[in-house]
Amino acid sequence: MQRAKIIRWWRGNALRYSHDVTPTFSFYNTARMSELIKRNERDVVITMVRLRTPTGVVVAFLAILLTGTLLISFTSASSFQISQDSTAPNIWDWDYTGRPNESEAFSVWANVTDNDGGVGILNVTINISGPNVTVNDLMTYNGSFYEASVDAFPNPGEFRMHVSAMDLNNNTREGRIVTIVIEEEVEPTVDPMLTLPIVVATSSALLVIVVMAAMFYDKKQTELG
C-alpha cells in the first residue's frame, strides 16, 4: 500500500516537473529533465528507507527478545539439571533373624534412608542367589525398618544375600554381601573294623562274669549240702 502511494507520488511530481519545462530538444532542457528525474529518484529512495526503518527496528527488537528468552530457558534447564538428586540412598545396616536352612523360614530387616535433600525411597529389595534359588523380593516398611520373610532353602549349598535400595530418581545402592553355607546332613556310618574289638571285649567280659557267678553259686550249694 505504501509503495503504491510512493509510485503515484513520483509519477505526479514527474508530470508536474515535465509540464514546467518547455518541450524543446535543446541541451539545456535535456539536462534539466535529467536533473529532475534524478531528484525524484533520490526522494523516492529516501522515502522508502524511512518506511523500512521502523520494520527493521521491530525485527531487531523481536530478535533480541527471542535471544533473551532462549538464554533464560537454557539457564533454567541447566539449573534444574544441577539441582536433581544424584546421590544413592543410604543402607545403614541389614541382617537376618532365624536360622536359614532346609526346613526353617527366616526374616530379613534393613535400615535404609534417603540422603538429605533426596526425593524419597522407591523400593528396597532382598536379593538371594544360590543353587536352585533366585530371590528378588520387595521389602515392606514398618515405620522404622524395611523387612521381609524368606522361605526355607530347598537344598544345601552356598547362598549369597544382599539388600539393594533405589530412590525415585533411580539412584541405586547395594548393601554388603552375606554368604550362608548349608551343609548336607549325612547319616553316620559304622566301621566294623572299629566296632569289632569293642564287641568282642564286651562279650568276653560278660562271659567271664557269668562263669564266675555260676562257679560261686555251685560252691554255695556244695557247702549247704
Protein backbone atom coordinates (compact mmCIF):
# COMPACT_ATOMS: atom_id res chain seq x y z
CA MET A 1 0.00 0.00 0.00
CA GLN A 2 2.78 2.46 0.93
CA ARG A 3 4.80 1.57 -2.15
CA ALA A 4 1.80 2.22 -4.42
CA LYS A 5 1.38 5.71 -2.88
CA ILE A 6 5.08 6.42 -3.42
CA ILE A 7 4.87 5.42 -7.08
CA ARG A 8 1.80 7.61 -7.63
CA TRP A 9 3.56 10.49 -5.88
CA TRP A 10 6.65 10.01 -8.05
CA ARG A 11 4.61 9.94 -11.25
CA GLY A 12 2.67 13.06 -10.22
CA ASN A 13 5.83 15.02 -9.49
CA ALA A 14 7.42 13.84 -12.72
CA LEU A 15 4.43 15.03 -14.72
CA ARG A 16 4.34 18.33 -12.82
CA TYR A 17 8.02 18.96 -13.44
CA SER A 18 7.68 17.93 -17.05
CA HIS A 19 4.81 20.47 -17.61
CA ASP A 20 7.09 23.25 -16.29
CA VAL A 21 9.75 22.52 -18.87
CA THR A 22 9.45 23.91 -22.39
CA PRO A 23 9.05 20.98 -24.77
CA THR A 24 12.19 21.57 -26.81
CA PHE A 25 15.07 19.31 -27.62
CA SER A 26 17.77 21.73 -26.57
CA PHE A 27 20.71 20.57 -24.50
CA TYR A 28 19.58 22.76 -21.60
CA ASN A 29 16.13 21.19 -21.44
CA THR A 30 17.55 17.70 -21.64
CA ALA A 31 19.94 18.36 -18.76
CA ARG A 32 17.13 19.97 -16.80
CA MET A 33 14.94 16.90 -17.27
CA SER A 34 17.73 14.53 -16.20
CA GLU A 35 18.29 16.53 -13.02
CA LEU A 36 14.60 16.45 -12.17
CA ILE A 37 14.41 12.69 -12.72
CA LYS A 38 17.45 12.09 -10.51
CA ARG A 39 15.95 14.31 -7.81
CA ASN A 40 12.67 12.35 -7.90
CA GLU A 41 14.53 9.05 -7.75
CA ARG A 42 16.53 10.26 -4.74
CA ASP A 43 13.36 11.40 -2.97
CA VAL A 44 11.76 8.01 -3.61
CA VAL A 45 14.75 6.13 -2.19
CA ILE A 46 14.83 8.34 0.93
CA THR A 47 11.11 7.81 1.49
CA MET A 48 11.39 4.05 1.09
CA VAL A 49 14.31 3.91 3.55
CA ARG A 50 12.27 5.89 6.06
CA LEU A 51 9.39 3.46 5.68
CA ARG A 52 11.67 0.44 6.07
CA THR A 53 13.43 1.77 9.17
CA PRO A 54 10.52 1.03 11.62
CA THR A 55 10.25 -2.50 10.20
CA GLY A 56 13.98 -3.10 10.76
CA VAL A 57 13.72 -1.79 14.30
CA VAL A 58 10.80 -4.15 15.03
CA VAL A 59 12.69 -7.11 13.58
CA ALA A 60 15.78 -6.28 15.63
CA PHE A 61 13.67 -5.93 18.79
CA LEU A 62 11.98 -9.31 18.19
CA ALA A 63 15.38 -10.93 17.58
CA ILE A 64 16.74 -9.53 20.86
CA LEU A 65 13.60 -10.67 22.71
CA LEU A 66 13.81 -14.18 21.26
CA THR A 67 17.50 -14.46 22.14
CA GLY A 68 16.85 -13.41 25.73
CA THR A 69 14.02 -15.93 26.05
CA LEU A 70 16.23 -18.75 24.79
CA LEU A 71 19.03 -17.80 27.18
CA ILE A 72 16.63 -17.79 30.13
CA SER A 73 15.23 -21.19 29.09
CA PHE A 74 18.70 -22.75 28.78
CA THR A 75 19.75 -21.30 32.12
CA SER A 76 16.63 -22.62 33.85
CA ALA A 77 17.10 -26.06 32.31
CA SER A 78 20.74 -26.17 33.44
CA SER A 79 19.79 -25.12 36.95
CA PHE A 80 17.15 -27.84 37.07
CA GLN A 81 19.61 -30.49 35.97
CA ILE A 82 22.14 -29.40 38.58
CA SER A 83 19.56 -29.44 41.37
CA GLN A 84 18.42 -33.00 40.61
CA ASP A 85 19.18 -35.65 43.24
CA SER A 86 22.08 -37.81 42.05
CA THR A 87 23.04 -39.46 45.37
CA ALA A 88 22.01 -43.04 46.12
CA PRO A 89 20.08 -43.93 49.31
CA ASN A 90 21.92 -44.91 52.50
CA ILE A 91 21.87 -48.55 53.66
CA TRP A 92 22.98 -48.12 57.25
CA ASP A 93 22.70 -51.80 58.18
CA TRP A 94 20.84 -55.01 57.41
CA ASP A 95 20.78 -58.57 58.72
CA TYR A 96 18.63 -61.66 59.09
CA THR A 97 16.98 -63.30 62.06
CA GLY A 98 16.38 -67.00 62.46
CA ARG A 99 18.39 -69.95 61.19
CA PRO A 100 18.38 -70.24 57.39
CA ASN A 101 18.32 -73.92 56.45
CA GLU A 102 16.32 -76.50 54.52
CA SER A 103 13.40 -76.57 56.91
CA GLU A 104 13.06 -73.13 58.53
CA ALA A 105 11.99 -69.80 57.04
CA PHE A 106 13.74 -66.66 58.27
CA SER A 107 13.32 -62.86 58.26
CA VAL A 108 15.42 -60.03 56.84
CA TRP A 109 15.47 -56.41 58.01
CA ALA A 110 17.22 -53.29 56.70
CA ASN A 111 17.74 -49.73 57.95
CA VAL A 112 17.52 -47.59 54.77
CA THR A 113 17.02 -43.82 54.36
CA ASP A 114 17.38 -41.37 51.51
CA ASN A 115 20.14 -38.76 51.63
CA ASP A 116 19.47 -35.17 52.78
CA GLY A 117 17.53 -33.34 50.11
CA GLY A 118 16.63 -36.59 48.37
CA VAL A 119 13.33 -37.29 46.64
CA GLY A 120 12.44 -40.39 48.66
CA ILE A 121 12.82 -44.19 48.60
CA LEU A 122 11.23 -46.08 45.70
CA ASN A 123 11.92 -49.63 46.88
CA VAL A 124 14.18 -51.85 49.00
CA THR A 125 14.85 -55.41 47.82
CA ILE A 126 16.34 -58.55 49.37
CA ASN A 127 18.37 -60.46 46.77
CA ILE A 128 19.41 -64.10 47.23
CA SER A 129 21.22 -66.32 44.75
CA GLY A 130 22.37 -69.92 45.09
CA PRO A 131 21.75 -73.45 43.81
CA ASN A 132 18.10 -73.65 42.69
CA VAL A 133 17.36 -70.31 44.43
CA THR A 134 16.84 -66.82 42.98
CA VAL A 135 15.07 -64.32 45.21
CA ASN A 136 14.39 -60.62 44.47
CA ASP A 137 11.63 -59.75 46.93
CA LEU A 138 10.48 -56.25 47.80
CA MET A 139 10.73 -55.39 51.48
CA THR A 140 7.97 -53.62 53.42
CA TYR A 141 8.49 -50.50 55.54
CA ASN A 142 7.13 -50.98 59.07
CA GLY A 143 7.67 -47.39 60.23
CA SER A 144 11.24 -47.95 61.39
CA PHE A 145 12.86 -50.57 59.14
CA TYR A 146 12.26 -52.46 55.94
CA GLU A 147 11.53 -56.15 56.46
CA ALA A 148 10.70 -59.33 54.52
CA SER A 149 10.16 -63.03 55.13
CA VAL A 150 12.16 -65.60 53.16
CA ASP A 151 11.13 -69.20 52.63
CA ALA A 152 13.34 -72.10 53.68
CA PHE A 153 16.03 -73.01 51.17
CA PRO A 154 15.11 -76.06 49.07
CA ASN A 155 18.52 -77.71 49.22
CA PRO A 156 22.01 -77.41 50.71
CA GLY A 157 24.63 -75.18 49.12
CA GLU A 158 26.23 -71.75 49.29
CA PHE A 159 23.84 -68.79 49.15
CA ARG A 160 24.73 -65.09 48.73
CA MET A 161 22.40 -62.43 50.11
CA HIS A 162 22.41 -58.63 49.90
CA VAL A 163 19.98 -55.71 50.15
CA SER A 164 19.58 -53.07 47.42
CA ALA A 165 17.78 -49.71 47.65
CA MET A 166 16.56 -47.34 44.90
CA ASP A 167 15.20 -43.80 45.21
CA LEU A 168 12.67 -42.00 42.99
CA ASN A 169 15.46 -40.76 40.68
CA ASN A 170 16.61 -44.37 40.10
CA ASN A 171 19.79 -43.91 42.13
CA THR A 172 20.70 -47.37 43.45
CA ARG A 173 22.93 -48.60 46.26
CA GLU A 174 23.94 -52.21 47.04
CA GLY A 175 24.46 -53.35 50.63
CA ARG A 176 27.12 -55.71 51.94
CA ILE A 177 27.02 -59.35 50.82
CA VAL A 178 26.37 -62.11 53.37
CA THR A 179 27.19 -65.73 52.49
CA ILE A 180 25.31 -68.63 54.08
CA VAL A 181 26.53 -72.20 53.68
CA ILE A 182 24.11 -75.06 54.39
CA GLU A 183 25.82 -78.42 54.74
CA GLU A 184 24.10 -81.57 53.63
CA GLU A 185 23.07 -83.75 56.57
CA VAL A 186 24.78 -87.14 56.30
CA GLU A 187 23.90 -90.14 58.50
CA PRO A 188 26.95 -91.52 60.33
CA THR A 189 28.27 -94.86 59.09
CA VAL A 190 29.58 -97.64 61.37
CA ASP A 191 33.00 -99.12 60.57
CA PRO A 192 33.02 -102.82 61.54
CA MET A 193 36.79 -102.81 62.00
CA LEU A 194 36.40 -100.20 64.71
CA THR A 195 33.45 -101.76 66.50
CA LEU A 196 34.53 -105.45 66.38
CA PRO A 197 37.15 -105.25 69.16
CA ILE A 198 34.72 -103.45 71.40
CA VAL A 199 32.01 -106.06 70.78
CA VAL A 200 34.44 -108.95 71.39
CA ALA A 201 35.84 -107.43 74.56
CA THR A 202 32.39 -106.70 75.92
CA SER A 203 31.18 -110.23 75.14
CA SER A 204 34.24 -111.79 76.70
CA ALA A 205 33.89 -109.76 79.88
CA LEU A 206 30.23 -110.70 80.11
CA LEU A 207 31.10 -114.40 79.64
CA VAL A 208 33.69 -114.24 82.43
CA ILE A 209 31.19 -112.62 84.75
CA VAL A 210 28.57 -115.32 84.01
CA VAL A 211 31.08 -118.16 84.54
CA MET A 212 32.30 -116.73 87.84
CA ALA A 213 28.74 -116.26 89.02
CA ALA A 214 27.94 -119.90 88.16
CA MET A 215 31.04 -121.22 90.00
CA PHE A 216 30.20 -119.14 93.04
CA TYR A 217 26.64 -120.49 93.01
CA ASP A 218 27.84 -124.12 92.79
CA LYS A 219 30.26 -123.61 95.67
CA LYS A 220 27.49 -122.28 97.90
CA GLN A 221 25.28 -125.18 97.05
CA THR A 222 28.06 -127.66 97.94
CA GLU A 223 28.68 -126.06 101.29
CA LEU A 224 25.00 -126.17 102.18
CA GLY A 225 24.65 -129.83 101.13
